[in-house]
Amino acid sequence: MAAALVGQTNDNRQARALKAPQEQDLKLPSERFKVTLPILLEYLLVADEALLPPKWHLWLNRTKKQEVQVLRDYLDSFARTAEAFSTSTPFITPRLVQEFLEFNFLGTGADDIKGGLQPFIIVDGNSKQWQSNLETARLYGLLMAGDASISLADLEALSSKEIKSIPLTYWELEKTLGMFGNLIRTLLGAPHPLTVAFCEIWNLLQTNLHDDIHNAIDYKHQVKPVHILRSIQLTFYTWFMHKRSQLTPPTLDLKHIWQCIIMQTYTTPKLPPQLYN
């Protein structure tokens, strides 16, 4: 598959060369998303496209081949600021970028842990897993850039190669949450209710409260990191589902997760089938 993707044709190069001057012109979001822009404005709670977070405008004025790198560079830059939740940068695949640019913040449903805007999409793990994902991302990049033709079967094969690493300890959980915080801060902006709610749960974790959560996870085994991620994922899914249905989202309160764990009243959410083990 890699050989097929790497192979380039003169026709593809000529087509991109002809298209390049047009892509250098500055574009407004409405020029690219003529039909779907209202969905993004609804999700981000902004009345005008000019008020969208800067990242969205930056994305729209880059070529398709640059879309992944733009988000990676933006996240790398944000991770070095005082506003960052973590100095670590989440692993971004071209497939994930494509979903964001299609405004698919919901995924395919409440049990989808591979798509949508939720903490399970954060890819971490050991160095071997990281290198494997880097190679998968490279192949995706060749596909997205239009450097070669590829079948649906090849696309599904690439998707199956992505390795999702679920945190097993408190410190792995905190790292995952920090990277997820950087991502939502970049995509949704600081004033967004979901970002604000996440900030509240993160700030509590930076106090002495983290000792109790650490003990509950790593020593008392009252709860697993996957349950906490699942609670956050369902909260995000419910909020976006309400917005898509033009309903008023429920009041956000992620802080109750920590409170319930400490008071030993936390009800572990049901996990989707792929997380049973």
Protein backbone atom coordinates (compact mmCIF):
# COMPACT_ATOMS: atom_id res chain seq x y z
CA MET A 1 0.00 0.00 0.00
CA ALA A 2 2.81 2.37 0.88
CA ALA A 3 4.35 1.95 -2.56
CA ALA A 4 1.03 2.74 -4.22
CA LEU A 5 0.58 5.87 -2.15
CA VAL A 6 4.09 7.15 -2.72
CA GLY A 7 3.75 6.80 -6.49
CA GLN A 8 2.85 10.17 -7.97
CA THR A 9 1.60 11.09 -11.42
CA ASN A 10 2.36 14.12 -13.57
CA ASP A 11 -1.36 14.70 -14.05
CA ASN A 12 -1.87 15.09 -10.30
CA ARG A 13 1.05 17.50 -10.05
CA GLN A 14 -0.22 19.61 -12.94
CA ALA A 15 -3.71 19.73 -11.46
CA ARG A 16 -2.37 20.92 -8.11
CA ALA A 17 -0.15 23.49 -9.82
CA LEU A 18 -3.15 24.96 -11.62
CA LYS A 19 -5.16 25.01 -8.42
CA ALA A 20 -2.43 26.55 -6.24
CA PRO A 21 -2.90 30.20 -7.28
CA GLN A 22 -6.60 30.03 -6.38
CA GLU A 23 -5.80 28.57 -2.95
CA GLN A 24 -3.44 31.45 -2.22
CA ASP A 25 -6.36 33.88 -2.21
CA LEU A 26 -7.71 34.57 1.26
CA LYS A 27 -11.03 32.90 1.87
CA LEU A 28 -13.85 33.43 4.30
CA PRO A 29 -15.34 30.32 5.92
CA SER A 30 -18.59 30.93 4.00
CA GLU A 31 -16.72 30.60 0.70
CA ARG A 32 -15.68 27.04 1.50
CA PHE A 33 -18.58 25.91 3.64
CA LYS A 34 -21.42 27.40 1.65
CA VAL A 35 -24.06 25.02 3.02
CA THR A 36 -22.65 23.68 6.28
CA LEU A 37 -21.21 26.84 7.87
CA PRO A 38 -24.34 27.40 10.03
CA ILE A 39 -23.59 24.05 11.72
CA LEU A 40 -20.15 25.26 12.80
CA LEU A 41 -21.52 28.62 13.97
CA GLU A 42 -24.21 26.79 15.97
CA TYR A 43 -21.70 24.44 17.61
CA LEU A 44 -19.25 27.23 18.45
CA LEU A 45 -21.99 29.64 19.59
CA VAL A 46 -20.87 32.50 17.37
CA ALA A 47 -23.20 34.68 15.33
CA ASP A 48 -20.72 35.70 12.64
CA GLU A 49 -17.94 33.85 10.85
CA ALA A 50 -15.51 36.65 11.69
CA LEU A 51 -15.79 35.62 15.36
CA LEU A 52 -14.65 32.05 14.79
CA PRO A 53 -11.44 31.01 16.63
CA PRO A 54 -8.32 31.97 14.59
CA LYS A 55 -7.50 28.35 13.83
CA TRP A 56 -10.55 28.00 11.59
CA HIS A 57 -9.52 30.97 9.44
CA LEU A 58 -5.97 29.64 9.29
CA TRP A 59 -7.20 26.25 8.10
CA LEU A 60 -9.25 27.73 5.29
CA ASN A 61 -6.30 29.52 3.75
CA ARG A 62 -4.08 26.49 3.39
CA THR A 63 -4.01 23.74 0.80
CA LYS A 64 -5.57 20.38 1.56
CA LYS A 65 -2.10 18.91 1.92
CA GLN A 66 -1.31 21.42 4.67
CA GLU A 67 -4.47 20.96 6.75
CA VAL A 68 -3.02 18.39 9.14
CA GLN A 69 0.24 20.26 9.66
CA VAL A 70 -1.60 23.52 10.34
CA LEU A 71 -3.45 21.98 13.29
CA ARG A 72 -0.34 20.20 14.55
CA ASP A 73 1.68 23.42 14.43
CA TYR A 74 -1.11 25.35 16.14
CA LEU A 75 -1.32 22.79 18.95
CA ASP A 76 2.48 22.71 19.33
CA SER A 77 2.50 26.48 19.64
CA PHE A 78 -0.40 26.55 22.10
CA ALA A 79 1.26 23.89 24.30
CA ARG A 80 4.08 26.36 24.97
CA THR A 81 1.77 29.09 26.28
CA ALA A 82 0.65 29.84 29.83
CA GLU A 83 -2.94 28.99 28.87
CA ALA A 84 -2.09 25.42 27.90
CA PHE A 85 -3.40 22.51 29.94
CA SER A 86 -0.36 20.40 29.08
CA THR A 87 3.00 20.74 27.38
CA SER A 88 2.22 17.54 25.48
CA THR A 89 0.60 17.71 22.04
CA PRO A 90 -2.10 15.25 21.01
CA PHE A 91 -1.44 13.07 17.97
CA ILE A 92 -3.49 14.36 15.04
CA THR A 93 -4.30 12.12 12.09
CA PRO A 94 -5.54 13.36 8.70
CA ARG A 95 -8.74 11.36 9.20
CA LEU A 96 -9.42 13.28 12.41
CA VAL A 97 -8.76 16.60 10.69
CA GLN A 98 -11.18 15.63 7.94
CA GLU A 99 -13.87 14.95 10.55
CA PHE A 100 -13.32 18.32 12.19
CA LEU A 101 -13.48 20.11 8.85
CA GLU A 102 -16.77 18.32 8.19
CA PHE A 103 -17.94 19.56 11.62
CA ASN A 104 -18.46 15.99 12.79
CA PHE A 105 -18.15 16.66 16.52
CA LEU A 106 -20.65 13.89 17.34
CA GLY A 107 -19.04 10.90 15.68
CA THR A 108 -21.41 8.17 14.53
CA GLY A 109 -23.15 7.83 17.89
CA ALA A 110 -22.78 7.74 21.66
CA ASP A 111 -20.62 4.60 21.52
CA ASP A 112 -18.21 5.88 18.86
CA ILE A 113 -14.80 6.31 20.52
CA LYS A 114 -12.89 6.86 17.27
CA GLY A 115 -14.67 9.94 15.97
CA GLY A 116 -16.19 13.17 17.18
CA LEU A 117 -14.74 15.64 19.66
CA GLN A 118 -14.18 13.61 22.82
CA PRO A 119 -11.20 12.41 24.92
CA PHE A 120 -10.94 8.90 23.46
CA ILE A 121 -9.60 10.34 20.20
CA ILE A 122 -6.39 11.34 21.99
CA VAL A 123 -3.70 8.93 20.84
CA ASP A 124 -0.75 8.36 23.16
CA GLY A 125 1.02 5.20 24.25
CA ASN A 126 4.58 3.93 24.13
CA SER A 127 7.21 4.84 21.55
CA LYS A 128 6.46 1.79 19.39
CA GLN A 129 2.76 2.67 19.20
CA TRP A 130 3.65 6.30 18.48
CA GLN A 131 5.91 5.34 15.57
CA SER A 132 3.22 3.06 14.16
CA ASN A 133 0.71 5.89 14.24
CA LEU A 134 3.21 8.25 12.64
CA GLU A 135 3.58 5.88 9.69
CA THR A 136 -0.21 5.53 9.39
CA ALA A 137 -0.55 9.30 9.46
CA ARG A 138 2.09 9.62 6.73
CA LEU A 139 0.15 7.27 4.47
CA TYR A 140 -3.06 9.13 5.23
CA GLY A 141 -1.26 12.33 4.33
CA LEU A 142 -0.31 11.00 0.91
CA LEU A 143 -3.90 9.99 0.33
CA MET A 144 -5.34 13.32 1.45
CA ALA A 145 -2.86 15.20 -0.71
CA GLY A 146 -4.14 13.39 -3.79
CA ASP A 147 -0.75 11.88 -4.61
CA ALA A 148 -2.25 8.52 -5.55
CA SER A 149 -5.55 6.81 -6.05
CA ILE A 150 -6.72 4.51 -3.29
CA SER A 151 -9.66 2.15 -2.84
CA LEU A 152 -12.15 2.09 0.00
CA ALA A 153 -10.61 -1.19 1.15
CA ASP A 154 -7.20 0.50 1.42
CA LEU A 155 -8.74 3.37 3.38
CA GLU A 156 -10.36 0.96 5.83
CA ALA A 157 -7.07 -0.90 6.16
CA LEU A 158 -5.31 2.32 7.11
CA SER A 159 -7.99 3.15 9.65
CA SER A 160 -7.60 -0.26 11.27
CA LYS A 161 -3.86 0.40 11.77
CA GLU A 162 -4.47 3.35 14.10
CA ILE A 163 -3.60 2.42 17.69
CA LYS A 164 -5.70 3.86 20.48
CA SER A 165 -4.02 3.75 23.87
CA ILE A 166 -6.47 3.91 26.78
CA PRO A 167 -4.90 5.28 30.01
CA LEU A 168 -4.63 2.75 32.81
CA THR A 169 -3.20 4.89 35.63
CA TYR A 170 -3.96 8.26 37.17
CA TRP A 171 -0.91 9.91 35.61
CA GLU A 172 -1.77 8.56 32.16
CA LEU A 173 -5.29 9.89 32.66
CA GLU A 174 -4.02 13.35 33.61
CA LYS A 175 -1.77 13.45 30.54
CA THR A 176 -4.66 12.45 28.28
CA LEU A 177 -6.96 15.08 29.80
CA GLY A 178 -4.28 17.75 29.40
CA MET A 179 -3.86 17.01 25.71
CA PHE A 180 -7.62 16.91 25.22
CA GLY A 181 -7.88 20.29 26.93
CA ASN A 182 -5.37 21.75 24.47
CA LEU A 183 -7.43 20.37 21.58
CA ILE A 184 -10.81 21.71 22.66
CA ARG A 185 -9.30 25.06 23.60
CA THR A 186 -7.95 25.29 20.04
CA LEU A 187 -11.10 24.11 18.27
CA LEU A 188 -13.82 25.67 20.42
CA GLY A 189 -12.13 28.72 21.90
CA ALA A 190 -11.76 29.76 25.54
CA PRO A 191 -15.30 31.20 26.09
CA HIS A 192 -17.12 28.08 24.89
CA PRO A 193 -19.23 26.40 27.64
CA LEU A 194 -17.55 23.03 27.07
CA THR A 195 -14.10 24.61 27.40
CA VAL A 196 -15.18 26.45 30.55
CA ALA A 197 -16.61 23.24 32.07
CA PHE A 198 -13.41 21.37 31.24
CA CYS A 199 -11.31 24.14 32.80
CA GLU A 200 -13.25 23.71 36.04
CA ILE A 201 -12.59 19.98 36.27
CA TRP A 202 -8.94 20.47 35.26
CA ASN A 203 -8.32 23.25 37.78
CA LEU A 204 -9.69 21.08 40.59
CA LEU A 205 -7.30 18.36 39.53
CA GLN A 206 -4.39 20.76 40.02
CA THR A 207 -5.20 21.18 43.73
CA ASN A 208 -4.76 18.75 46.61
CA LEU A 209 -7.89 17.06 45.30
CA HIS A 210 -5.74 15.10 42.89
CA ASP A 211 -4.38 13.05 45.82
CA ASP A 212 -7.84 11.65 46.50
CA ILE A 213 -8.46 10.92 42.81
CA HIS A 214 -5.02 9.33 42.52
CA ASN A 215 -5.74 7.05 45.47
CA ALA A 216 -9.19 6.13 44.17
CA ILE A 217 -7.76 5.08 40.81
CA ASP A 218 -4.33 3.58 41.50
CA TYR A 219 -4.63 2.24 45.06
CA LYS A 220 -8.27 1.71 46.06
CA HIS A 221 -9.29 0.76 42.50
CA GLN A 222 -12.70 2.36 42.99
CA VAL A 223 -12.79 3.64 39.43
CA LYS A 224 -10.79 3.26 36.25
CA PRO A 225 -9.54 6.09 34.00
CA VAL A 226 -11.69 4.73 31.17
CA HIS A 227 -14.83 5.42 33.21
CA ILE A 228 -13.85 9.05 33.71
CA LEU A 229 -13.12 9.48 30.01
CA ARG A 230 -16.47 7.84 29.22
CA SER A 231 -18.31 10.30 31.48
CA ILE A 232 -16.64 13.24 29.73
CA GLN A 233 -17.27 11.73 26.30
CA LEU A 234 -20.99 11.30 26.97
CA THR A 235 -21.20 14.86 28.30
CA PHE A 236 -19.69 16.24 25.09
CA TYR A 237 -21.86 13.98 22.94
CA THR A 238 -25.04 15.05 24.75
CA TRP A 239 -24.18 18.74 24.42
CA PHE A 240 -23.50 18.56 20.68
CA MET A 241 -26.54 16.35 20.09
CA HIS A 242 -28.77 18.94 21.75
CA LYS A 243 -27.25 21.73 19.64
CA ARG A 244 -27.68 19.72 16.43
CA SER A 245 -31.31 19.09 17.36
CA GLN A 246 -31.72 22.82 18.10
CA LEU A 247 -32.46 22.11 21.75
CA THR A 248 -31.09 23.83 24.82
CA PRO A 249 -28.14 21.75 26.09
CA PRO A 250 -28.24 20.57 29.72
CA THR A 251 -26.29 22.51 32.32
CA LEU A 252 -22.66 21.45 32.23
CA ASP A 253 -21.11 20.23 35.48
CA LEU A 254 -18.07 18.02 35.05
CA LYS A 255 -16.93 18.82 38.59
CA HIS A 256 -19.42 16.32 39.97
CA ILE A 257 -17.21 13.50 38.64
CA TRP A 258 -14.49 14.27 41.18
CA GLN A 259 -16.99 15.01 43.94
CA CYS A 260 -18.81 11.72 43.45
CA ILE A 261 -15.56 9.73 43.35
CA ILE A 262 -14.40 11.22 46.65
CA MET A 263 -17.83 10.70 48.26
CA GLN A 264 -17.90 7.16 46.81
CA THR A 265 -21.21 7.80 45.06
CA TYR A 266 -19.83 7.76 41.52
CA THR A 267 -21.80 5.53 39.17
CA THR A 268 -19.52 4.05 36.53
CA PRO A 269 -21.01 4.55 33.07
CA LYS A 270 -21.60 1.61 30.77
CA LEU A 271 -18.72 1.20 28.34
CA PRO A 272 -19.15 0.59 24.63
CA PRO A 273 -18.42 -3.00 23.49
CA GLN A 274 -14.90 -2.21 22.22
CA LEU A 275 -13.89 -1.14 25.75
CA TYR A 276 -15.33 -4.07 27.71
CA ASN A 277 -11.95 -5.64 28.24
